[in-house]
Amino acid sequence: MQKLSMEELNRKTVAEFKRSEKTPVIAVLENIRSAYNVGSVFRTSDAFLLEGIYLTGYTAKPPHKEIKKTALGAEDSVEWRYFSNAGEAIRELRAIGYKIYAIEQVQNSFSLEKTSFEKEEKIAVIFGNEVTGVEQETILQCDGCIEIPQLGMKHSLNIATAAGVVLWEIVRKRLHS
């Protein structure tokens, strides 16, 4: 096996990315404390060609040096919008036809591996604060909650890790439908 060169990876330019057909998924970040986590979600969103990111509350927004450090340019390719709170973002998402799911451990949540969405179905997934998770008020406005199965002693993941797992699972299932 030989690692692929940058040319062999055939990466898109920012302009090509912006012109590309997107996966109809929007990641919503609610009150994320770490700008490094925000940058990681930008990078993941670029990797999976997501429609965009909605930043809410006190979540850092570009331009920001810590976002730039982990996003590695994805903050320039991925479309993003800022809302003062998640409720505003949810109202906007509903108006443009998105179903909204919080990524949270709640009664009657859907286990991630059992979820399935139609290929063209518009989905927004809300990731919450590193300590407190998605706000209860926000959960009440969602169509449901998706939970990542966890088998160990800890029952939470870093938000950047959770976003990678959830977004990949949603995109993966669409690739094969």
N, C-alpha and C. Protein backbone atom coordinates (compact mmCIF):
# COMPACT_ATOMS: atom_id res chain seq x y z
N MET A 1 0.84 -1.18 0.00
CA MET A 1 0.00 0.00 0.00
C MET A 1 0.88 1.24 0.00
N GLN A 2 0.43 2.25 -0.72
CA GLN A 2 1.14 3.51 -0.82
C GLN A 2 0.16 4.65 -0.58
N LYS A 3 0.53 5.58 0.29
CA LYS A 3 -0.32 6.74 0.53
C LYS A 3 -0.55 7.49 -0.77
N LEU A 4 -1.72 8.05 -0.92
CA LEU A 4 -2.03 8.85 -2.10
C LEU A 4 -1.43 10.24 -1.97
N SER A 5 -0.98 10.77 -3.09
CA SER A 5 -0.45 12.13 -3.10
C SER A 5 -1.61 13.12 -3.09
N MET A 6 -1.31 14.37 -2.85
CA MET A 6 -2.36 15.40 -2.85
C MET A 6 -3.06 15.45 -4.21
N GLU A 7 -2.32 15.28 -5.30
CA GLU A 7 -2.92 15.29 -6.63
C GLU A 7 -3.85 14.09 -6.82
N GLU A 8 -3.44 12.94 -6.33
CA GLU A 8 -4.25 11.73 -6.47
C GLU A 8 -5.54 11.79 -5.64
N LEU A 9 -5.55 12.59 -4.58
CA LEU A 9 -6.75 12.72 -3.76
C LEU A 9 -7.85 13.50 -4.48
N ASN A 10 -7.46 14.26 -5.50
CA ASN A 10 -8.44 14.98 -6.33
C ASN A 10 -9.40 15.83 -5.48
N ARG A 11 -8.84 16.64 -4.61
CA ARG A 11 -9.65 17.47 -3.72
C ARG A 11 -10.26 18.64 -4.47
N LYS A 12 -11.44 19.04 -4.02
CA LYS A 12 -12.13 20.18 -4.61
C LYS A 12 -11.49 21.48 -4.14
N THR A 13 -11.55 22.48 -4.98
CA THR A 13 -11.20 23.83 -4.56
C THR A 13 -12.41 24.39 -3.81
N VAL A 14 -12.25 25.54 -3.15
CA VAL A 14 -13.37 26.17 -2.46
C VAL A 14 -14.48 26.47 -3.47
N ALA A 15 -14.11 26.97 -4.63
CA ALA A 15 -15.11 27.29 -5.66
C ALA A 15 -15.83 26.02 -6.13
N GLU A 16 -15.10 24.94 -6.34
CA GLU A 16 -15.74 23.67 -6.75
C GLU A 16 -16.66 23.15 -5.65
N PHE A 17 -16.22 23.26 -4.40
CA PHE A 17 -17.05 22.83 -3.28
C PHE A 17 -18.37 23.61 -3.28
N LYS A 18 -18.28 24.91 -3.43
CA LYS A 18 -19.48 25.75 -3.37
C LYS A 18 -20.44 25.44 -4.51
N ARG A 19 -19.93 25.02 -5.67
CA ARG A 19 -20.77 24.66 -6.81
C ARG A 19 -21.33 23.24 -6.72
N SER A 20 -20.76 22.40 -5.88
CA SER A 20 -21.14 20.99 -5.79
C SER A 20 -22.54 20.81 -5.20
N GLU A 21 -23.21 19.74 -5.64
CA GLU A 21 -24.48 19.37 -5.03
C GLU A 21 -24.20 18.91 -3.60
N LYS A 22 -24.96 19.44 -2.66
CA LYS A 22 -24.71 19.17 -1.24
C LYS A 22 -25.61 18.07 -0.70
N THR A 23 -25.16 17.46 0.37
CA THR A 23 -25.98 16.53 1.14
C THR A 23 -26.97 17.39 1.93
N PRO A 24 -28.29 17.13 1.83
CA PRO A 24 -29.26 18.00 2.49
C PRO A 24 -29.31 17.79 4.01
N VAL A 25 -28.19 18.09 4.64
CA VAL A 25 -28.04 17.96 6.10
C VAL A 25 -27.40 19.25 6.61
N ILE A 26 -27.96 19.77 7.69
CA ILE A 26 -27.38 20.95 8.35
C ILE A 26 -27.06 20.58 9.79
N ALA A 27 -25.83 20.88 10.20
CA ALA A 27 -25.40 20.68 11.59
C ALA A 27 -25.68 21.99 12.34
N VAL A 28 -26.37 21.87 13.46
CA VAL A 28 -26.68 23.03 14.29
C VAL A 28 -25.86 22.90 15.57
N LEU A 29 -25.10 23.92 15.90
CA LEU A 29 -24.27 23.91 17.10
C LEU A 29 -24.85 24.89 18.10
N GLU A 30 -25.27 24.35 19.25
CA GLU A 30 -25.91 25.17 20.27
C GLU A 30 -24.96 25.40 21.45
N ASN A 31 -24.55 26.64 21.64
CA ASN A 31 -23.74 27.04 22.80
C ASN A 31 -22.50 26.16 22.99
N ILE A 32 -21.73 26.02 21.94
CA ILE A 32 -20.48 25.24 22.01
C ILE A 32 -19.39 26.15 22.58
N ARG A 33 -18.77 25.72 23.68
CA ARG A 33 -17.76 26.53 24.36
C ARG A 33 -16.45 26.60 23.59
N SER A 34 -16.03 25.50 23.02
CA SER A 34 -14.71 25.43 22.39
C SER A 34 -14.76 25.74 20.90
N ALA A 35 -14.04 26.78 20.52
CA ALA A 35 -13.94 27.11 19.09
C ALA A 35 -13.21 26.01 18.33
N TYR A 36 -12.35 25.25 19.01
CA TYR A 36 -11.69 24.11 18.36
C TYR A 36 -12.73 23.07 17.96
N ASN A 37 -13.71 22.82 18.81
CA ASN A 37 -14.80 21.89 18.45
C ASN A 37 -15.59 22.42 17.25
N VAL A 38 -15.85 23.70 17.23
CA VAL A 38 -16.56 24.31 16.11
C VAL A 38 -15.77 24.10 14.81
N GLY A 39 -14.48 24.34 14.87
CA GLY A 39 -13.64 24.14 13.69
C GLY A 39 -13.65 22.69 13.21
N SER A 40 -13.66 21.76 14.15
CA SER A 40 -13.72 20.34 13.79
C SER A 40 -15.02 20.01 13.07
N VAL A 41 -16.13 20.60 13.51
CA VAL A 41 -17.41 20.35 12.84
C VAL A 41 -17.41 20.97 11.44
N PHE A 42 -16.78 22.11 11.27
CA PHE A 42 -16.63 22.69 9.93
C PHE A 42 -15.88 21.70 9.02
N ARG A 43 -14.81 21.15 9.53
CA ARG A 43 -14.00 20.23 8.73
C ARG A 43 -14.78 18.96 8.37
N THR A 44 -15.52 18.43 9.33
CA THR A 44 -16.36 17.25 9.08
C THR A 44 -17.46 17.59 8.07
N SER A 45 -18.05 18.75 8.21
CA SER A 45 -19.11 19.17 7.29
C SER A 45 -18.59 19.31 5.86
N ASP A 46 -17.37 19.79 5.73
CA ASP A 46 -16.74 19.86 4.41
C ASP A 46 -16.51 18.45 3.87
N ALA A 47 -15.99 17.57 4.70
CA ALA A 47 -15.69 16.20 4.26
C ALA A 47 -16.92 15.49 3.72
N PHE A 48 -18.09 15.75 4.32
CA PHE A 48 -19.32 15.06 3.93
C PHE A 48 -20.21 15.91 3.03
N LEU A 49 -19.69 17.05 2.57
CA LEU A 49 -20.39 17.94 1.63
C LEU A 49 -21.78 18.34 2.14
N LEU A 50 -21.83 18.74 3.42
CA LEU A 50 -23.11 19.13 4.01
C LEU A 50 -23.60 20.46 3.46
N GLU A 51 -24.91 20.64 3.54
CA GLU A 51 -25.54 21.88 3.11
C GLU A 51 -24.99 23.07 3.90
N GLY A 52 -24.73 22.88 5.20
CA GLY A 52 -24.20 23.98 5.97
C GLY A 52 -24.21 23.73 7.46
N ILE A 53 -23.85 24.78 8.19
CA ILE A 53 -23.80 24.76 9.64
C ILE A 53 -24.54 25.99 10.14
N TYR A 54 -25.37 25.79 11.18
CA TYR A 54 -26.01 26.90 11.87
C TYR A 54 -25.35 26.99 13.26
N LEU A 55 -24.82 28.15 13.56
CA LEU A 55 -24.18 28.41 14.85
C LEU A 55 -25.16 29.21 15.70
N THR A 56 -25.35 28.78 16.96
CA THR A 56 -26.33 29.47 17.79
C THR A 56 -25.76 29.82 19.17
N GLY A 57 -26.39 30.83 19.78
CA GLY A 57 -26.00 31.21 21.13
C GLY A 57 -24.58 31.75 21.18
N TYR A 58 -23.83 31.31 22.18
CA TYR A 58 -22.46 31.82 22.32
C TYR A 58 -21.42 30.99 21.57
N THR A 59 -21.85 30.12 20.68
CA THR A 59 -20.93 29.37 19.83
C THR A 59 -20.07 30.35 19.04
N ALA A 60 -18.76 30.11 19.01
CA ALA A 60 -17.85 30.97 18.24
C ALA A 60 -18.18 30.88 16.76
N LYS A 61 -17.90 31.96 16.04
CA LYS A 61 -18.14 31.98 14.61
C LYS A 61 -16.92 32.56 13.88
N PRO A 62 -16.75 32.17 12.62
CA PRO A 62 -15.63 32.71 11.85
C PRO A 62 -15.79 34.22 11.68
N PRO A 63 -14.70 34.95 11.52
CA PRO A 63 -13.31 34.46 11.62
C PRO A 63 -12.89 34.33 13.08
N HIS A 64 -12.21 33.27 13.37
CA HIS A 64 -11.77 32.99 14.73
C HIS A 64 -10.54 32.09 14.62
N LYS A 65 -9.45 32.47 15.31
CA LYS A 65 -8.19 31.73 15.13
C LYS A 65 -8.29 30.26 15.52
N GLU A 66 -9.06 29.93 16.56
CA GLU A 66 -9.17 28.52 16.98
C GLU A 66 -10.03 27.72 16.01
N ILE A 67 -11.05 28.34 15.43
CA ILE A 67 -11.83 27.66 14.39
C ILE A 67 -10.92 27.39 13.20
N LYS A 68 -10.19 28.41 12.80
CA LYS A 68 -9.29 28.29 11.65
C LYS A 68 -8.26 27.17 11.85
N LYS A 69 -7.75 27.05 13.07
CA LYS A 69 -6.73 26.05 13.36
C LYS A 69 -7.22 24.62 13.14
N THR A 70 -8.47 24.32 13.50
CA THR A 70 -8.97 22.95 13.33
C THR A 70 -9.76 22.78 12.04
N ALA A 71 -10.37 23.84 11.51
CA ALA A 71 -11.16 23.73 10.28
C ALA A 71 -10.26 23.58 9.05
N LEU A 72 -9.05 24.10 9.13
CA LEU A 72 -8.08 24.02 8.02
C LEU A 72 -8.66 24.49 6.69
N GLY A 73 -9.40 25.60 6.71
CA GLY A 73 -9.97 26.17 5.50
C GLY A 73 -11.42 25.83 5.26
N ALA A 74 -11.97 24.86 5.98
CA ALA A 74 -13.36 24.48 5.78
C ALA A 74 -14.32 25.60 6.18
N GLU A 75 -13.86 26.52 7.01
CA GLU A 75 -14.71 27.65 7.38
C GLU A 75 -14.96 28.56 6.17
N ASP A 76 -14.14 28.41 5.13
CA ASP A 76 -14.32 29.17 3.89
C ASP A 76 -15.19 28.43 2.88
N SER A 77 -15.22 27.11 2.95
CA SER A 77 -15.98 26.33 1.96
C SER A 77 -17.41 26.04 2.42
N VAL A 78 -17.61 25.78 3.70
CA VAL A 78 -18.92 25.39 4.20
C VAL A 78 -19.75 26.65 4.50
N GLU A 79 -20.98 26.67 3.98
CA GLU A 79 -21.89 27.78 4.26
C GLU A 79 -22.30 27.73 5.73
N TRP A 80 -22.39 28.88 6.36
CA TRP A 80 -22.80 28.92 7.76
C TRP A 80 -23.63 30.17 8.01
N ARG A 81 -24.46 30.07 9.04
CA ARG A 81 -25.28 31.19 9.48
C ARG A 81 -25.24 31.23 11.00
N TYR A 82 -25.44 32.41 11.54
CA TYR A 82 -25.47 32.58 12.99
C TYR A 82 -26.87 32.99 13.42
N PHE A 83 -27.34 32.42 14.54
CA PHE A 83 -28.63 32.76 15.15
C PHE A 83 -28.38 33.00 16.64
N SER A 84 -29.08 33.95 17.23
CA SER A 84 -28.84 34.26 18.64
C SER A 84 -29.26 33.11 19.55
N ASN A 85 -30.18 32.26 19.09
CA ASN A 85 -30.56 31.09 19.88
C ASN A 85 -31.04 29.98 18.96
N ALA A 86 -31.12 28.78 19.49
CA ALA A 86 -31.50 27.61 18.68
C ALA A 86 -32.93 27.71 18.18
N GLY A 87 -33.81 28.33 18.96
CA GLY A 87 -35.21 28.48 18.53
C GLY A 87 -35.33 29.22 17.21
N GLU A 88 -34.53 30.28 17.04
CA GLU A 88 -34.53 31.03 15.78
C GLU A 88 -34.06 30.13 14.63
N ALA A 89 -33.02 29.36 14.88
CA ALA A 89 -32.51 28.45 13.85
C ALA A 89 -33.56 27.41 13.48
N ILE A 90 -34.24 26.88 14.48
CA ILE A 90 -35.27 25.86 14.23
C ILE A 90 -36.41 26.44 13.40
N ARG A 91 -36.85 27.65 13.71
CA ARG A 91 -37.92 28.28 12.92
C ARG A 91 -37.49 28.42 11.46
N GLU A 92 -36.26 28.84 11.24
CA GLU A 92 -35.73 28.96 9.87
C GLU A 92 -35.69 27.60 9.18
N LEU A 93 -35.19 26.59 9.88
CA LEU A 93 -35.10 25.24 9.30
C LEU A 93 -36.48 24.69 8.93
N ARG A 94 -37.45 24.87 9.80
CA ARG A 94 -38.82 24.41 9.51
C ARG A 94 -39.37 25.12 8.27
N ALA A 95 -39.11 26.42 8.16
CA ALA A 95 -39.62 27.21 7.04
C ALA A 95 -39.06 26.73 5.70
N ILE A 96 -37.88 26.11 5.73
CA ILE A 96 -37.29 25.62 4.47
C ILE A 96 -37.36 24.09 4.36
N GLY A 97 -38.22 23.49 5.18
CA GLY A 97 -38.55 22.08 5.00
C GLY A 97 -37.67 21.04 5.66
N TYR A 98 -36.94 21.43 6.71
CA TYR A 98 -36.06 20.48 7.40
C TYR A 98 -36.77 19.80 8.55
N LYS A 99 -36.48 18.51 8.77
CA LYS A 99 -36.85 17.80 9.99
C LYS A 99 -35.68 18.01 10.95
N ILE A 100 -35.98 18.16 12.22
CA ILE A 100 -34.95 18.54 13.18
C ILE A 100 -34.83 17.51 14.29
N TYR A 101 -33.59 17.07 14.54
CA TYR A 101 -33.32 16.07 15.57
C TYR A 101 -32.20 16.56 16.47
N ALA A 102 -32.42 16.47 17.77
CA ALA A 102 -31.35 16.76 18.72
C ALA A 102 -30.53 15.48 18.90
N ILE A 103 -29.25 15.63 19.07
CA ILE A 103 -28.38 14.50 19.39
C ILE A 103 -28.25 14.52 20.90
N GLU A 104 -29.07 13.67 21.53
CA GLU A 104 -29.17 13.73 22.99
C GLU A 104 -29.75 12.43 23.54
N GLN A 105 -29.43 12.16 24.79
CA GLN A 105 -29.96 11.00 25.49
C GLN A 105 -31.23 11.42 26.21
N VAL A 106 -32.36 10.94 25.70
CA VAL A 106 -33.67 11.28 26.27
C VAL A 106 -34.55 10.03 26.26
N GLN A 107 -35.66 10.11 26.97
CA GLN A 107 -36.64 9.03 26.89
C GLN A 107 -37.14 8.94 25.45
N ASN A 108 -37.28 7.72 24.94
CA ASN A 108 -37.81 7.45 23.60
C ASN A 108 -36.94 8.00 22.47
N SER A 109 -35.64 8.12 22.71
CA SER A 109 -34.75 8.54 21.63
C SER A 109 -34.64 7.43 20.60
N PHE A 110 -34.19 7.80 19.40
CA PHE A 110 -33.92 6.83 18.34
C PHE A 110 -32.44 6.47 18.42
N SER A 111 -32.13 5.20 18.42
CA SER A 111 -30.73 4.78 18.42
C SER A 111 -30.15 5.03 17.02
N LEU A 112 -28.99 5.65 16.96
CA LEU A 112 -28.40 6.08 15.70
C LEU A 112 -28.38 4.98 14.64
N GLU A 113 -27.99 3.77 15.04
CA GLU A 113 -27.85 2.71 14.03
C GLU A 113 -29.19 2.27 13.46
N LYS A 114 -30.29 2.64 14.12
CA LYS A 114 -31.62 2.25 13.64
C LYS A 114 -32.31 3.37 12.86
N THR A 115 -31.67 4.51 12.75
CA THR A 115 -32.29 5.62 12.01
C THR A 115 -32.05 5.44 10.53
N SER A 116 -33.00 5.90 9.76
CA SER A 116 -32.81 5.95 8.31
C SER A 116 -33.63 7.10 7.76
N PHE A 117 -33.07 7.76 6.79
CA PHE A 117 -33.71 8.90 6.17
C PHE A 117 -33.66 8.71 4.66
N GLU A 118 -34.65 9.23 3.97
CA GLU A 118 -34.64 9.18 2.52
C GLU A 118 -33.45 9.99 2.00
N LYS A 119 -32.93 9.61 0.85
CA LYS A 119 -31.73 10.23 0.30
C LYS A 119 -31.85 11.76 0.18
N GLU A 120 -33.01 12.24 -0.23
CA GLU A 120 -33.18 13.68 -0.43
C GLU A 120 -33.87 14.38 0.74
N GLU A 121 -34.17 13.62 1.81
CA GLU A 121 -34.84 14.21 2.97
C GLU A 121 -33.93 15.23 3.65
N LYS A 122 -34.49 16.39 3.94
CA LYS A 122 -33.73 17.46 4.58
C LYS A 122 -33.71 17.22 6.09
N ILE A 123 -32.51 17.08 6.64
CA ILE A 123 -32.33 16.76 8.05
C ILE A 123 -31.41 17.79 8.70
N ALA A 124 -31.80 18.26 9.87
CA ALA A 124 -30.92 19.09 10.69
C ALA A 124 -30.68 18.35 12.00
N VAL A 125 -29.43 18.32 12.43
CA VAL A 125 -29.08 17.67 13.69
C VAL A 125 -28.43 18.69 14.61
N ILE A 126 -28.93 18.74 15.84
CA ILE A 126 -28.46 19.74 16.80
C ILE A 126 -27.52 19.09 17.80
N PHE A 127 -26.33 19.66 17.90
CA PHE A 127 -25.32 19.22 18.87
C PHE A 127 -25.22 20.29 19.94
N GLY A 128 -25.23 19.86 21.21
CA GLY A 128 -25.27 20.81 22.32
C GLY A 128 -23.94 21.03 23.01
N ASN A 129 -24.01 21.85 24.01
CA ASN A 129 -22.88 22.25 24.83
C ASN A 129 -22.10 21.05 25.37
N GLU A 130 -20.80 21.22 25.50
CA GLU A 130 -19.90 20.15 25.93
C GLU A 130 -20.24 19.59 27.31
N VAL A 131 -20.84 20.39 28.18
CA VAL A 131 -21.15 19.93 29.53
C VAL A 131 -22.64 19.64 29.70
N THR A 132 -23.49 20.54 29.23
CA THR A 132 -24.93 20.42 29.49
C THR A 132 -25.72 19.80 28.35
N GLY A 133 -25.11 19.62 27.19
CA GLY A 133 -25.81 19.03 26.05
C GLY A 133 -26.79 20.00 25.41
N VAL A 134 -27.77 19.44 24.71
CA VAL A 134 -28.80 20.25 24.06
C VAL A 134 -29.79 20.71 25.13
N GLU A 135 -30.14 21.98 25.09
CA GLU A 135 -31.06 22.55 26.07
C GLU A 135 -32.43 21.87 25.99
N GLN A 136 -33.07 21.67 27.14
CA GLN A 136 -34.39 21.03 27.18
C GLN A 136 -35.40 21.80 26.34
N GLU A 137 -35.36 23.11 26.38
CA GLU A 137 -36.28 23.94 25.58
C GLU A 137 -36.10 23.65 24.09
N THR A 138 -34.87 23.43 23.68
CA THR A 138 -34.58 23.11 22.28
C THR A 138 -35.11 21.72 21.94
N ILE A 139 -34.88 20.77 22.82
CA ILE A 139 -35.36 19.39 22.60
C ILE A 139 -36.86 19.38 22.34
N LEU A 140 -37.60 20.17 23.08
CA LEU A 140 -39.06 20.21 22.95
C LEU A 140 -39.51 20.71 21.57
N GLN A 141 -38.63 21.40 20.86
CA GLN A 141 -38.96 21.92 19.53
C GLN A 141 -38.56 20.98 18.40
N CYS A 142 -37.94 19.86 18.75
CA CYS A 142 -37.43 18.93 17.74
C CYS A 142 -38.45 17.87 17.35
N ASP A 143 -38.22 17.25 16.20
CA ASP A 143 -39.06 16.14 15.73
C ASP A 143 -38.71 14.85 16.44
N GLY A 144 -37.57 14.82 17.10
CA GLY A 144 -37.13 13.65 17.84
C GLY A 144 -35.69 13.83 18.27
N CYS A 145 -35.18 12.83 18.97
CA CYS A 145 -33.79 12.84 19.42
C CYS A 145 -33.12 11.55 18.97
N ILE A 146 -31.88 11.69 18.58
CA ILE A 146 -31.07 10.56 18.16
C ILE A 146 -29.98 10.37 19.20
N GLU A 147 -29.78 9.12 19.59
CA GLU A 147 -28.79 8.79 20.61
C GLU A 147 -27.72 7.89 20.00
N ILE A 148 -26.46 8.19 20.31
CA ILE A 148 -25.35 7.34 19.88
C ILE A 148 -25.19 6.23 20.92
N PRO A 149 -25.29 4.96 20.51
CA PRO A 149 -25.09 3.88 21.47
C PRO A 149 -23.68 3.95 22.06
N GLN A 150 -23.57 3.81 23.37
CA GLN A 150 -22.28 3.85 24.04
C GLN A 150 -22.22 2.69 25.03
N LEU A 151 -21.12 1.98 25.02
CA LEU A 151 -21.04 0.73 25.74
C LEU A 151 -20.16 0.77 26.98
N GLY A 152 -19.38 1.80 27.12
CA GLY A 152 -18.43 1.86 28.23
C GLY A 152 -18.98 2.55 29.46
N MET A 153 -18.08 2.97 30.32
CA MET A 153 -18.43 3.62 31.56
C MET A 153 -18.92 5.05 31.32
N LYS A 154 -18.30 5.75 30.40
CA LYS A 154 -18.69 7.13 30.07
C LYS A 154 -19.90 7.09 29.15
N HIS A 155 -20.78 8.02 29.32
CA HIS A 155 -21.97 8.05 28.47
C HIS A 155 -22.10 9.39 27.76
N SER A 156 -20.96 9.90 27.31
CA SER A 156 -20.97 11.09 26.48
C SER A 156 -19.70 11.10 25.64
N LEU A 157 -19.78 11.78 24.52
CA LEU A 157 -18.64 11.94 23.63
C LEU A 157 -18.36 13.43 23.47
N ASN A 158 -17.13 13.75 23.15
CA ASN A 158 -16.81 15.13 22.79
C ASN A 158 -17.70 15.51 21.61
N ILE A 159 -18.13 16.75 21.55
CA ILE A 159 -19.06 17.18 20.50
C ILE A 159 -18.46 16.97 19.10
N ALA A 160 -17.18 17.20 18.93
CA ALA A 160 -16.57 17.00 17.61
C ALA A 160 -16.61 15.52 17.22
N THR A 161 -16.38 14.64 18.18
CA THR A 161 -16.45 13.21 17.93
C THR A 161 -17.88 12.79 17.64
N ALA A 162 -18.82 13.26 18.45
CA ALA A 162 -20.23 12.94 18.24
C ALA A 162 -20.69 13.41 16.86
N ALA A 163 -20.28 14.60 16.46
CA ALA A 163 -20.66 15.10 15.14
C ALA A 163 -20.09 14.21 14.04
N GLY A 164 -18.84 13.80 14.18
CA GLY A 164 -18.25 12.91 13.18
C GLY A 164 -19.02 11.61 13.05
N VAL A 165 -19.37 11.02 14.18
CA VAL A 165 -20.08 9.74 14.19
C VAL A 165 -21.47 9.90 13.56
N VAL A 166 -22.23 10.87 14.03
CA VAL A 166 -23.61 11.06 13.57
C VAL A 166 -23.65 11.46 12.10
N LEU A 167 -22.86 12.44 11.73
CA LEU A 167 -22.90 12.92 10.35
C LEU A 167 -22.44 11.85 9.37
N TRP A 168 -21.41 11.09 9.73
CA TRP A 168 -20.98 10.00 8.86
C TRP A 168 -22.09 8.97 8.70
N GLU A 169 -22.73 8.59 9.80
CA GLU A 169 -23.79 7.58 9.73
C GLU A 169 -24.93 8.03 8.82
N ILE A 170 -25.32 9.29 8.93
CA ILE A 170 -26.40 9.82 8.07
C ILE A 170 -25.95 9.81 6.61
N VAL A 171 -24.74 10.29 6.34
CA VAL A 171 -24.23 10.34 4.97
C VAL A 171 -23.99 8.93 4.43
N ARG A 172 -23.41 8.05 5.23
CA ARG A 172 -23.11 6.68 4.80
C ARG A 172 -24.36 5.98 4.30
N LYS A 173 -25.43 6.08 5.05
CA LYS A 173 -26.67 5.42 4.67
C LYS A 173 -27.23 5.99 3.37
N ARG A 174 -27.02 7.25 3.12
CA ARG A 174 -27.50 7.89 1.88
C ARG A 174 -26.64 7.46 0.68
N LEU A 175 -25.39 7.19 0.91
CA LEU A 175 -24.51 6.76 -0.19
C LEU A 175 -24.95 5.42 -0.76
N HIS A 176 -25.56 4.61 0.08
CA HIS A 176 -25.92 3.25 -0.33
C HIS A 176 -27.41 3.07 -0.54
N SER A 177 -28.15 4.18 -0.66
CA SER A 177 -29.60 4.03 -0.87
C SER A 177 -29.97 4.28 -2.31
